[in-house]
PDB file of N, CA and C in Angstrom:
ATOM      1  N   MET A   1      73.376 102.224 106.928  1.00  0.00           N
ATOM      2  CA  MET A   1      73.264 103.515 107.574  1.00  0.00           C
ATOM      3  C   MET A   1      73.232 103.330 109.087  1.00  0.00           C
ATOM      4  N   PRO A   2      73.974 104.160 109.811  1.00  0.00           N
ATOM      5  CA  PRO A   2      73.975 104.053 111.269  1.00  0.00           C
ATOM      6  C   PRO A   2      72.594 104.303 111.864  1.00  0.00           C
ATOM      7  N   ARG A   3      72.323 103.700 112.992  1.00  0.00           N
ATOM      8  CA  ARG A   3      71.015 103.814 113.636  1.00  0.00           C
ATOM      9  C   ARG A   3      70.748 105.193 114.217  1.00  0.00           C
ATOM     10  N   ARG A   4      71.788 105.936 114.543  1.00  0.00           N
ATOM     11  CA  ARG A   4      71.582 107.221 115.193  1.00  0.00           C
ATOM     12  C   ARG A   4      71.327 108.351 114.202  1.00  0.00           C
ATOM     13  N   TRP A   5      71.262 108.046 112.950  1.00  0.00           N
ATOM     14  CA  TRP A   5      70.974 109.081 111.962  1.00  0.00           C
ATOM     15  C   TRP A   5      69.510 109.480 112.048  1.00  0.00           C
ATOM     16  N   THR A   6      69.261 110.759 111.818  1.00  0.00           N
ATOM     17  CA  THR A   6      67.883 111.243 111.769  1.00  0.00           C
ATOM     18  C   THR A   6      67.319 110.969 110.376  1.00  0.00           C
ATOM     19  N   ALA A   7      66.030 111.213 110.228  1.00  0.00           N
ATOM     20  CA  ALA A   7      65.400 111.047 108.915  1.00  0.00           C
ATOM     21  C   ALA A   7      66.042 111.990 107.901  1.00  0.00           C
ATOM     22  N   LYS A   8      66.400 113.181 108.355  1.00  0.00           N
ATOM     23  CA  LYS A   8      67.057 114.146 107.472  1.00  0.00           C
ATOM     24  C   LYS A   8      68.425 113.619 107.021  1.00  0.00           C
ATOM     25  N   ASP A   9      69.177 113.022 107.945  1.00  0.00           N
ATOM     26  CA  ASP A   9      70.476 112.437 107.593  1.00  0.00           C
ATOM     27  C   ASP A   9      70.307 111.344 106.541  1.00  0.00           C
ATOM     28  N   GLU A  10      69.304 110.502 106.725  1.00  0.00           N
ATOM     29  CA  GLU A  10      69.067 109.406 105.783  1.00  0.00           C
ATOM     30  C   GLU A  10      68.678 109.931 104.403  1.00  0.00           C
ATOM     31  N   ARG A  11      67.844 110.993 104.381  1.00  0.00           N
ATOM     32  CA  ARG A  11      67.481 111.595 103.086  1.00  0.00           C
ATOM     33  C   ARG A  11      68.703 112.185 102.401  1.00  0.00           C
ATOM     34  N   GLN A  12      69.559 112.861 103.168  1.00  0.00           N
ATOM     35  CA  GLN A  12      70.772 113.442 102.601  1.00  0.00           C
ATOM     36  C   GLN A  12      71.684 112.331 102.055  1.00  0.00           C
ATOM     37  N   TYR A  13      71.818 111.246 102.817  1.00  0.00           N
ATOM     38  CA  TYR A  13      72.630 110.103 102.397  1.00  0.00           C
ATOM     39  C   TYR A  13      72.133 109.563 101.055  1.00  0.00           C
ATOM     40  N   GLU A  14      70.829 109.317 100.958  1.00  0.00           N
ATOM     41  CA  GLU A  14      70.264 108.774  99.720  1.00  0.00           C
ATOM     42  C   GLU A  14      70.453 109.741  98.553  1.00  0.00           C
ATOM     43  N   HIS A  15      70.274 111.020  98.799  1.00  0.00           N
ATOM     44  CA  HIS A  15      70.435 112.022  97.744  1.00  0.00           C
ATOM     45  C   HIS A  15      71.881 112.054  97.231  1.00  0.00           C
ATOM     46  N   ILE A  16      72.837 112.069  98.144  1.00  0.00           N
ATOM     47  CA  ILE A  16      74.254 112.105  97.747  1.00  0.00           C
ATOM     48  C   ILE A  16      74.627 110.818  97.023  1.00  0.00           C
ATOM     49  N   LYS A  17      74.162 109.676  97.549  1.00  0.00           N
ATOM     50  CA  LYS A  17      74.468 108.387  96.917  1.00  0.00           C
ATOM     51  C   LYS A  17      73.921 108.342  95.490  1.00  0.00           C
ATOM     52  N   GLU A  18      72.677 108.745  95.311  1.00  0.00           N
ATOM     53  CA  GLU A  18      72.074 108.741  93.968  1.00  0.00           C
ATOM     54  C   GLU A  18      72.807 109.698  93.032  1.00  0.00           C
ATOM     55  N   SER A  19      73.198 110.840  93.537  1.00  0.00           N
ATOM     56  CA  SER A  19      73.937 111.815  92.738  1.00  0.00           C
ATOM     57  C   SER A  19      75.273 111.231  92.273  1.00  0.00           C
ATOM     58  N   GLN A  20      75.958 110.540  93.184  1.00  0.00           N
ATOM     59  CA  GLN A  20      77.237 109.914  92.837  1.00  0.00           C
ATOM     60  C   GLN A  20      77.033 108.819  91.788  1.00  0.00           C
ATOM     61  N   LEU A  21      75.975 108.035  91.946  1.00  0.00           N
ATOM     62  CA  LEU A  21      75.691 106.974  90.982  1.00  0.00           C
ATOM     63  C   LEU A  21      75.376 107.559  89.606  1.00  0.00           C
ATOM     64  N   ASP A  22      74.638 108.670  89.595  1.00  0.00           N
ATOM     65  CA  ASP A  22      74.329 109.346  88.326  1.00  0.00           C
ATOM     66  C   ASP A  22      75.590 109.851  87.637  1.00  0.00           C
ATOM     67  N   ASP A  23      76.593 110.201  88.438  1.00  0.00           N
ATOM     68  CA  ASP A  23      77.861 110.687  87.891  1.00  0.00           C
ATOM     69  C   ASP A  23      78.779 109.547  87.454  1.00  0.00           C
ATOM     70  N   GLY A  24      78.336 108.306  87.657  1.00  0.00           N
ATOM     71  CA  GLY A  24      79.114 107.159  87.200  1.00  0.00           C
ATOM     72  C   GLY A  24      79.999 106.521  88.254  1.00  0.00           C
ATOM     73  N   THR A  25      79.840 106.907  89.504  1.00  0.00           N
ATOM     74  CA  THR A  25      80.623 106.322  90.584  1.00  0.00           C
ATOM     75  C   THR A  25      80.119 104.916  90.875  1.00  0.00           C
ATOM     76  N   LYS A  26      81.026 104.006  91.220  1.00  0.00           N
ATOM     77  CA  LYS A  26      80.631 102.643  91.576  1.00  0.00           C
ATOM     78  C   LYS A  26      79.761 102.675  92.829  1.00  0.00           C
ATOM     79  N   TYR A  27      78.884 101.674  92.964  1.00  0.00           N
ATOM     80  CA  TYR A  27      77.909 101.644  94.052  1.00  0.00           C
ATOM     81  C   TYR A  27      78.569 101.707  95.433  1.00  0.00           C
ATOM     82  N   ASP A  28      79.575 100.860  95.678  1.00  0.00           N
ATOM     83  CA  ASP A  28      80.237 100.842  96.987  1.00  0.00           C
ATOM     84  C   ASP A  28      80.886 102.185  97.303  1.00  0.00           C
ATOM     85  N   GLU A  29      81.531 102.766  96.299  1.00  0.00           N
ATOM     86  CA  GLU A  29      82.188 104.057  96.495  1.00  0.00           C
ATOM     87  C   GLU A  29      81.159 105.160  96.742  1.00  0.00           C
ATOM     88  N   ALA A  30      80.034 105.098  96.038  1.00  0.00           N
ATOM     89  CA  ALA A  30      78.969 106.091  96.234  1.00  0.00           C
ATOM     90  C   ALA A  30      78.417 106.008  97.651  1.00  0.00           C
ATOM     91  N   GLN A  31      78.257 104.796  98.177  1.00  0.00           N
ATOM     92  CA  GLN A  31      77.792 104.629  99.549  1.00  0.00           C
ATOM     93  C   GLN A  31      78.781 105.237 100.541  1.00  0.00           C
ATOM     94  N   GLU A  32      80.066 104.973 100.314  1.00  0.00           N
ATOM     95  CA  GLU A  32      81.089 105.489 101.225  1.00  0.00           C
ATOM     96  C   GLU A  32      81.140 107.013 101.198  1.00  0.00           C
ATOM     97  N   ILE A  33      81.098 107.591 100.010  1.00  0.00           N
ATOM     98  CA  ILE A  33      81.132 109.053  99.888  1.00  0.00           C
ATOM     99  C   ILE A  33      79.931 109.668 100.599  1.00  0.00           C
ATOM    100  N   ALA A  34      78.768 109.091 100.397  1.00  0.00           N
ATOM    101  CA  ALA A  34      77.552 109.613 101.024  1.00  0.00           C
ATOM    102  C   ALA A  34      77.638 109.516 102.544  1.00  0.00           C
ATOM    103  N   ALA A  35      78.073 108.373 103.052  1.00  0.00           N
ATOM    104  CA  ALA A  35      78.166 108.200 104.502  1.00  0.00           C
ATOM    105  C   ALA A  35      79.192 109.147 105.105  1.00  0.00           C
ATOM    106  N   ARG A  36      80.332 109.283 104.455  1.00  0.00           N
ATOM    107  CA  ARG A  36      81.357 110.192 104.971  1.00  0.00           C
ATOM    108  C   ARG A  36      80.860 111.633 104.990  1.00  0.00           C
ATOM    109  N   THR A  37      80.126 112.018 103.957  1.00  0.00           N
ATOM    110  CA  THR A  37      79.606 113.379 103.885  1.00  0.00           C
ATOM    111  C   THR A  37      78.615 113.646 105.007  1.00  0.00           C
ATOM    112  N   VAL A  38      77.696 112.719 105.214  1.00  0.00           N
ATOM    113  CA  VAL A  38      76.702 112.884 106.279  1.00  0.00           C
ATOM    114  C   VAL A  38      77.394 112.903 107.645  1.00  0.00           C
ATOM    115  N   ASN A  39      78.328 111.992 107.857  1.00  0.00           N
ATOM    116  CA  ASN A  39      79.014 111.939 109.142  1.00  0.00           C
ATOM    117  C   ASN A  39      79.853 113.190 109.392  1.00  0.00           C
ATOM    118  N   LYS A  40      80.439 113.738 108.344  1.00  0.00           N
ATOM    119  CA  LYS A  40      81.213 114.973 108.496  1.00  0.00           C
ATOM    120  C   LYS A  40      80.305 116.112 108.950  1.00  0.00           C
ATOM    121  N   ARG A  41      79.121 116.213 108.348  1.00  0.00           N
ATOM    122  CA  ARG A  41      78.176 117.258 108.726  1.00  0.00           C
ATOM    123  C   ARG A  41      77.729 117.062 110.175  1.00  0.00           C
ATOM    124  N   ARG A  42      77.481 115.818 110.552  1.00  0.00           N
ATOM    125  CA  ARG A  42      77.082 115.533 111.925  1.00  0.00           C
ATOM    126  C   ARG A  42      78.187 115.923 112.908  1.00  0.00           C
ATOM    127  N   ARG A  43      79.452 115.626 112.542  1.00  0.00           N
ATOM    128  CA  ARG A  43      80.591 115.998 113.392  1.00  0.00           C
ATOM    129  C   ARG A  43      80.676 117.505 113.554  1.00  0.00           C
ATOM    130  N   GLU A  44      80.540 118.229 112.433  1.00  0.00           N
ATOM    131  CA  GLU A  44      80.631 119.687 112.456  1.00  0.00           C
ATOM    132  C   GLU A  44      79.516 120.305 113.297  1.00  0.00           C
ATOM    133  N   GLU A  45      78.365 119.642 113.330  1.00  0.00           N
ATOM    134  CA  GLU A  45      77.231 120.137 114.113  1.00  0.00           C
ATOM    135  C   GLU A  45      77.293 119.676 115.570  1.00  0.00           C
ATOM    136  N   GLY A  46      78.287 118.876 115.910  1.00  0.00           N
ATOM    137  CA  GLY A  46      78.443 118.402 117.280  1.00  0.00           C
ATOM    138  C   GLY A  46      77.469 117.310 117.667  1.00  0.00           C
ATOM    139  N   ARG A  47      76.989 116.545 116.702  1.00  0.00           N
ATOM    140  CA  ARG A  47      76.019 115.483 116.979  1.00  0.00           C
ATOM    141  C   ARG A  47      76.654 114.104 117.063  1.00  0.00           C
ATOM    142  N   THR A  48      77.953 114.039 117.215  1.00  0.00           N
ATOM    143  CA  THR A  48      78.625 112.756 117.372  1.00  0.00           C
ATOM    144  C   THR A  48      79.328 112.741 118.726  1.00  0.00           C
ATOM    145  N   PRO A  49      79.567 111.563 119.294  1.00  0.00           N
ATOM    146  CA  PRO A  49      80.160 111.503 120.625  1.00  0.00           C
ATOM    147  C   PRO A  49      81.580 112.060 120.702  1.00  0.00           C
ATOM    148  N   SER A  50      82.334 112.012 119.617  1.00  0.00           N
ATOM    149  CA  SER A  50      83.722 112.463 119.654  1.00  0.00           C
ATOM    150  C   SER A  50      84.062 113.178 118.354  1.00  0.00           C
ATOM    151  N   THR A  51      84.776 114.295 118.478  1.00  0.00           N
ATOM    152  CA  THR A  51      85.181 115.006 117.269  1.00  0.00           C
ATOM    153  C   THR A  51      86.493 114.461 116.722  1.00  0.00           C
ATOM    154  N   ARG A  52      87.198 113.657 117.526  1.00  0.00           N
ATOM    155  CA  ARG A  52      88.454 113.072 117.055  1.00  0.00           C
ATOM    156  C   ARG A  52      88.146 111.908 116.126  1.00  0.00           C
ATOM    157  N   THR A  53      88.997 111.744 115.149  1.00  0.00           N
ATOM    158  CA  THR A  53      88.765 110.676 114.170  1.00  0.00           C
ATOM    159  C   THR A  53      88.913 109.307 114.811  1.00  0.00           C
ATOM    160  N   GLN A  54      88.109 108.388 114.354  1.00  0.00           N
ATOM    161  CA  GLN A  54      88.223 107.009 114.801  1.00  0.00           C
ATOM    162  C   GLN A  54      88.732 106.138 113.662  1.00  0.00           C
ATOM    163  N   GLY A  55      88.953 106.744 112.503  1.00  0.00           N
ATOM    164  CA  GLY A  55      89.400 105.992 111.340  1.00  0.00           C
ATOM    165  C   GLY A  55      90.904 106.053 111.160  1.00  0.00           C
ATOM    166  N   THR A  56      91.339 105.505 110.038  1.00  0.00           N
ATOM    167  CA  THR A  56      92.769 105.485 109.735  1.00  0.00           C
ATOM    168  C   THR A  56      93.102 106.414 108.583  1.00  0.00           C
ATOM    169  N   GLY A  57      92.150 107.207 108.135  1.00  0.00           N
ATOM    170  CA  GLY A  57      92.408 108.147 107.055  1.00  0.00           C
ATOM    171  C   GLY A  57      92.214 107.522 105.692  1.00  0.00           C
ATOM    172  N   ASN A  58      92.254 108.354 104.689  1.00  0.00           N
ATOM    173  CA  ASN A  58      92.099 107.905 103.315  1.00  0.00           C
ATOM    174  C   ASN A  58      93.324 107.098 102.918  1.00  0.00           C
ATOM    175  N   PRO A  59      93.149 105.853 102.481  1.00  0.00           N
ATOM    176  CA  PRO A  59      94.301 105.035 102.121  1.00  0.00           C
ATOM    177  C   PRO A  59      95.072 105.570 100.913  1.00  0.00           C
ATOM    178  N   ASN A  60      94.460 106.471 100.154  1.00  0.00           N
ATOM    179  CA  ASN A  60      95.154 107.063  99.011  1.00  0.00           C
ATOM    180  C   ASN A  60      95.975 108.288  99.393  1.00  0.00           C
ATOM    181  N   THR A  61      95.906 108.685 100.655  1.00  0.00           N
ATOM    182  CA  THR A  61      96.651 109.833 101.147  1.00  0.00           C
ATOM    183  C   THR A  61      97.977 109.355 101.723  1.00  0.00           C
ATOM    184  N   ALA A  62      99.032 110.109 101.470  1.00  0.00           N
ATOM    185  CA  ALA A  62     100.343 109.758 102.014  1.00  0.00           C
ATOM    186  C   ALA A  62     100.285 109.754 103.534  1.00  0.00           C
ATOM    187  N   LEU A  63     101.075 108.894 104.155  1.00  0.00           N
ATOM    188  CA  LEU A  63     101.069 108.797 105.613  1.00  0.00           C
ATOM    189  C   LEU A  63     101.383 110.141 106.261  1.00  0.00           C
ATOM    190  N   ALA A  64     102.335 110.867 105.721  1.00  0.00           N
ATOM    191  CA  ALA A  64     102.744 112.140 106.309  1.00  0.00           C
ATOM    192  C   ALA A  64     101.630 113.187 106.281  1.00  0.00           C
ATOM    193  N   GLU A  65     100.647 113.014 105.420  1.00  0.00           N
ATOM    194  CA  GLU A  65      99.552 113.975 105.312  1.00  0.00           C
ATOM    195  C   GLU A  65      98.368 113.630 106.225  1.00  0.00           C
ATOM    196  N   ARG A  66      98.402 112.470 106.848  1.00  0.00           N
ATOM    197  CA  ARG A  66      97.325 112.073 107.748  1.00  0.00           C
ATOM    198  C   ARG A  66      97.554 112.684 109.129  1.00  0.00           C
ATOM    199  N   THR A  67      96.498 112.713 109.935  1.00  0.00           N
ATOM    200  CA  THR A  67      96.630 113.244 111.286  1.00  0.00           C
ATOM    201  C   THR A  67      97.317 112.223 112.185  1.00  0.00           C
ATOM    202  N   ARG A  68      97.794 112.700 113.332  1.00  0.00           N
ATOM    203  CA  ARG A  68      98.436 111.804 114.274  1.00  0.00           C
ATOM    204  C   ARG A  68      97.441 110.746 114.760  1.00  0.00           C
ATOM    205  N   ASP A  69      96.185 111.146 114.971  1.00  0.00           N
ATOM    206  CA  ASP A  69      95.167 110.197 115.420  1.00  0.00           C
ATOM    207  C   ASP A  69      94.930 109.097 114.385  1.00  0.00           C
ATOM    208  N   GLU A  70      94.894 109.470 113.117  1.00  0.00           N
ATOM    209  CA  GLU A  70      94.711 108.474 112.055  1.00  0.00           C
ATOM    210  C   GLU A  70      95.900 107.520 112.018  1.00  0.00           C
ATOM    211  N   LEU A  71      97.103 108.067 112.178  1.00  0.00           N
ATOM    212  CA  LEU A  71      98.298 107.224 112.194  1.00  0.00           C
ATOM    213  C   LEU A  71      98.304 106.298 113.411  1.00  0.00           C
ATOM    214  N   TYR A  72      97.890 106.828 114.553  1.00  0.00           N
ATOM    215  CA  TYR A  72      97.816 106.019 115.763  1.00  0.00           C
ATOM    216  C   TYR A  72      96.863 104.840 115.553  1.00  0.00           C
ATOM    217  N   ASN A  73      95.698 105.119 114.972  1.00  0.00           N
ATOM    218  CA  ASN A  73      94.721 104.055 114.735  1.00  0.00           C
ATOM    219  C   ASN A  73      95.268 103.010 113.768  1.00  0.00           C
ATOM    220  N   ARG A  74      96.010 103.449 112.755  1.00  0.00           N
ATOM    221  CA  ARG A  74      96.620 102.500 111.812  1.00  0.00           C
ATOM    222  C   ARG A  74      97.674 101.661 112.531  1.00  0.00           C
ATOM    223  N   ALA A  75      98.473 102.306 113.386  1.00  0.00           N
ATOM    224  CA  ALA A  75      99.495 101.587 114.152  1.00  0.00           C
ATOM    225  C   ALA A  75      98.840 100.561 115.085  1.00  0.00           C
ATOM    226  N   LYS A  76      97.703 100.912 115.621  1.00  0.00           N
ATOM    227  CA  LYS A  76      96.976  99.988 116.484  1.00  0.00           C
ATOM    228  C   LYS A  76      96.534  98.758 115.695  1.00  0.00           C
ATOM    229  N   GLU A  77      96.036  98.980 114.465  1.00  0.00           N
ATOM    230  CA  GLU A  77      95.646  97.862 113.604  1.00  0.00           C
ATOM    231  C   GLU A  77      96.826  96.945 113.318  1.00  0.00           C
ATOM    232  N   LEU A  78      98.015  97.564 113.147  1.00  0.00           N
ATOM    233  CA  LEU A  78      99.227  96.800 112.840  1.00  0.00           C
ATOM    234  C   LEU A  78      99.903  96.241 114.086  1.00  0.00           C
ATOM    235  N   LYS A  79      99.314  96.524 115.272  1.00  0.00           N
ATOM    236  CA  LYS A  79      99.844  96.042 116.554  1.00  0.00           C
ATOM    237  C   LYS A  79     101.281  96.509 116.797  1.00  0.00           C
ATOM    238  N   ILE A  80     101.538  97.787 116.538  1.00  0.00           N
ATOM    239  CA  ILE A  80     102.862  98.366 116.755  1.00  0.00           C
ATOM    240  C   ILE A  80     103.003  98.716 118.231  1.00  0.00           C
ATOM    241  N   GLU A  81     104.051  98.175 118.854  1.00  0.00           N
ATOM    242  CA  GLU A  81     104.309  98.404 120.281  1.00  0.00           C
ATOM    243  C   GLU A  81     104.767  99.843 120.517  1.00  0.00           C
ATOM    244  N   GLY A  82     104.371 100.417 121.638  1.00  0.00           N
ATOM    245  CA  GLY A  82     104.814 101.746 122.037  1.00  0.00           C
ATOM    246  C   GLY A  82     104.184 102.895 121.274  1.00  0.00           C
ATOM    247  N   ARG A  83     103.123 102.617 120.557  1.00  0.00           N
ATOM    248  CA  ARG A  83     102.509 103.642 119.703  1.00  0.00           C
ATOM    249  C   ARG A  83     101.945 104.823 120.493  1.00  0.00           C
ATOM    250  N   GLY A  84     101.563 104.602 121.742  1.00  0.00           N
ATOM    251  CA  GLY A  84     100.954 105.650 122.550  1.00  0.00           C
ATOM    252  C   GLY A  84     101.893 106.805 122.855  1.00  0.00           C
ATOM    253  N   SER A  85     103.168 106.528 122.921  1.00  0.00           N
ATOM    254  CA  SER A  85     104.134 107.586 123.255  1.00  0.00           C
ATOM    255  C   SER A  85     104.837 108.137 122.018  1.00  0.00           C
ATOM    256  N   MET A  86     104.458 107.650 120.834  1.00  0.00           N
ATOM    257  CA  MET A  86     105.123 108.092 119.602  1.00  0.00           C
ATOM    258  C   MET A  86     104.550 109.406 119.094  1.00  0.00           C
ATOM    259  N   ARG A  87     105.446 110.204 118.519  1.00  0.00           N
ATOM    260  CA  ARG A  87     105.026 111.413 117.818  1.00  0.00           C
ATOM    261  C   ARG A  87     104.599 111.013 116.407  1.00  0.00           C
ATOM    262  N   LYS A  88     104.050 111.977 115.680  1.00  0.00           N
ATOM    263  CA  LYS A  88     103.548 111.709 114.340  1.00  0.00           C
ATOM    264  C   LYS A  88     104.645 111.130 113.436  1.00  0.00           C
ATOM    265  N   ALA A  89     105.816 111.753 113.435  1.00  0.00           N
ATOM    266  CA  ALA A  89     106.915 111.282 112.579  1.00  0.00           C
ATOM    267  C   ALA A  89     107.329 109.857 112.948  1.00  0.00           C
ATOM    268  N   ASP A  90     107.319 109.555 114.257  1.00  0.00           N
ATOM    269  CA  ASP A  90     107.665 108.202 114.711  1.00  0.00           C
ATOM    270  C   ASP A  90     106.638 107.187 114.221  1.00  0.00           C
ATOM    271  N   LEU A  91     105.363 107.562 114.280  1.00  0.00           N
ATOM    272  CA  LEU A  91     104.299 106.679 113.802  1.00  0.00           C
ATOM    273  C   LEU A  91     104.446 106.407 112.306  1.00  0.00           C
ATOM    274  N   VAL A  92     104.762 107.439 111.522  1.00  0.00           N
ATOM    275  CA  VAL A  92     104.944 107.264 110.080  1.00  0.00           C
ATOM    276  C   VAL A  92     106.060 106.252 109.825  1.00  0.00           C
ATOM    277  N   ARG A  93     107.203 106.424 110.507  1.00  0.00           N
ATOM    278  CA  ARG A  93     108.330 105.508 110.307  1.00  0.00           C
ATOM    279  C   ARG A  93     107.973 104.076 110.728  1.00  0.00           C
ATOM    280  N   ALA A  94     107.287 103.940 111.850  1.00  0.00           N
ATOM    281  CA  ALA A  94     106.928 102.609 112.344  1.00  0.00           C
ATOM    282  C   ALA A  94     105.967 101.903 111.385  1.00  0.00           C
ATOM    283  N   ILE A  95     105.000 102.644 110.869  1.00  0.00           N
ATOM    284  CA  ILE A  95     104.029 102.055 109.931  1.00  0.00           C
ATOM    285  C   ILE A  95     104.719 101.663 108.635  1.00  0.00           C
ATOM    286  N   GLN A  96     105.607 102.535 108.144  1.00  0.00           N
ATOM    287  CA  GLN A  96     106.320 102.216 106.906  1.00  0.00           C
ATOM    288  C   GLN A  96     107.203 100.989 107.080  1.00  0.00           C
ATOM    289  N   SER A  97     107.866 100.862 108.212  1.00  0.00           N
ATOM    290  CA  SER A  97     108.744  99.701 108.410  1.00  0.00           C
ATOM    291  C   SER A  97     107.931  98.430 108.606  1.00  0.00           C
ATOM    292  N   LYS A  98     106.750  98.531 109.175  1.00  0.00           N
ATOM    293  CA  LYS A  98     105.902  97.358 109.394  1.00  0.00           C
ATOM    294  C   LYS A  98     105.305  96.859 108.079  1.00  0.00           C
ATOM    295  N   ARG A  99     104.988  97.796 107.151  1.00  0.00           N
ATOM    296  CA  ARG A  99     104.336  97.433 105.883  1.00  0.00           C
ATOM    297  C   ARG A  99     105.359  96.900 104.880  1.00  0.00           C
ATOM    298  N   GLY A 100     106.543  97.348 104.935  1.00  0.00           N
ATOM    299  CA  GLY A 100     107.463  96.988 103.863  1.00  0.00           C
ATOM    300  C   GLY A 100     108.672  96.356 104.355  1.00  0.00           C
TER     301      GLY A 100
END
């Protein structure tokens, strides 16, 4: 759990995690779901430094359905040159060509 969470955030995290485990979700997945849920609420309440995503999106989601910021972050991980000036469609093509 991140250090900047309040006691209420931690209680919510534990409650969601336990609920997921009761529903048969694997432990690691339950932790991720709980953390994402708490962080989403914190973002919506304006309690995080940036509202823009810092992640690469759900790996089970098609590239075209992700945001440009998520695609940019993925391109950064893949060390794709010129990613800063690329549009969303360009990022999708670059990531697909780099992966396959």
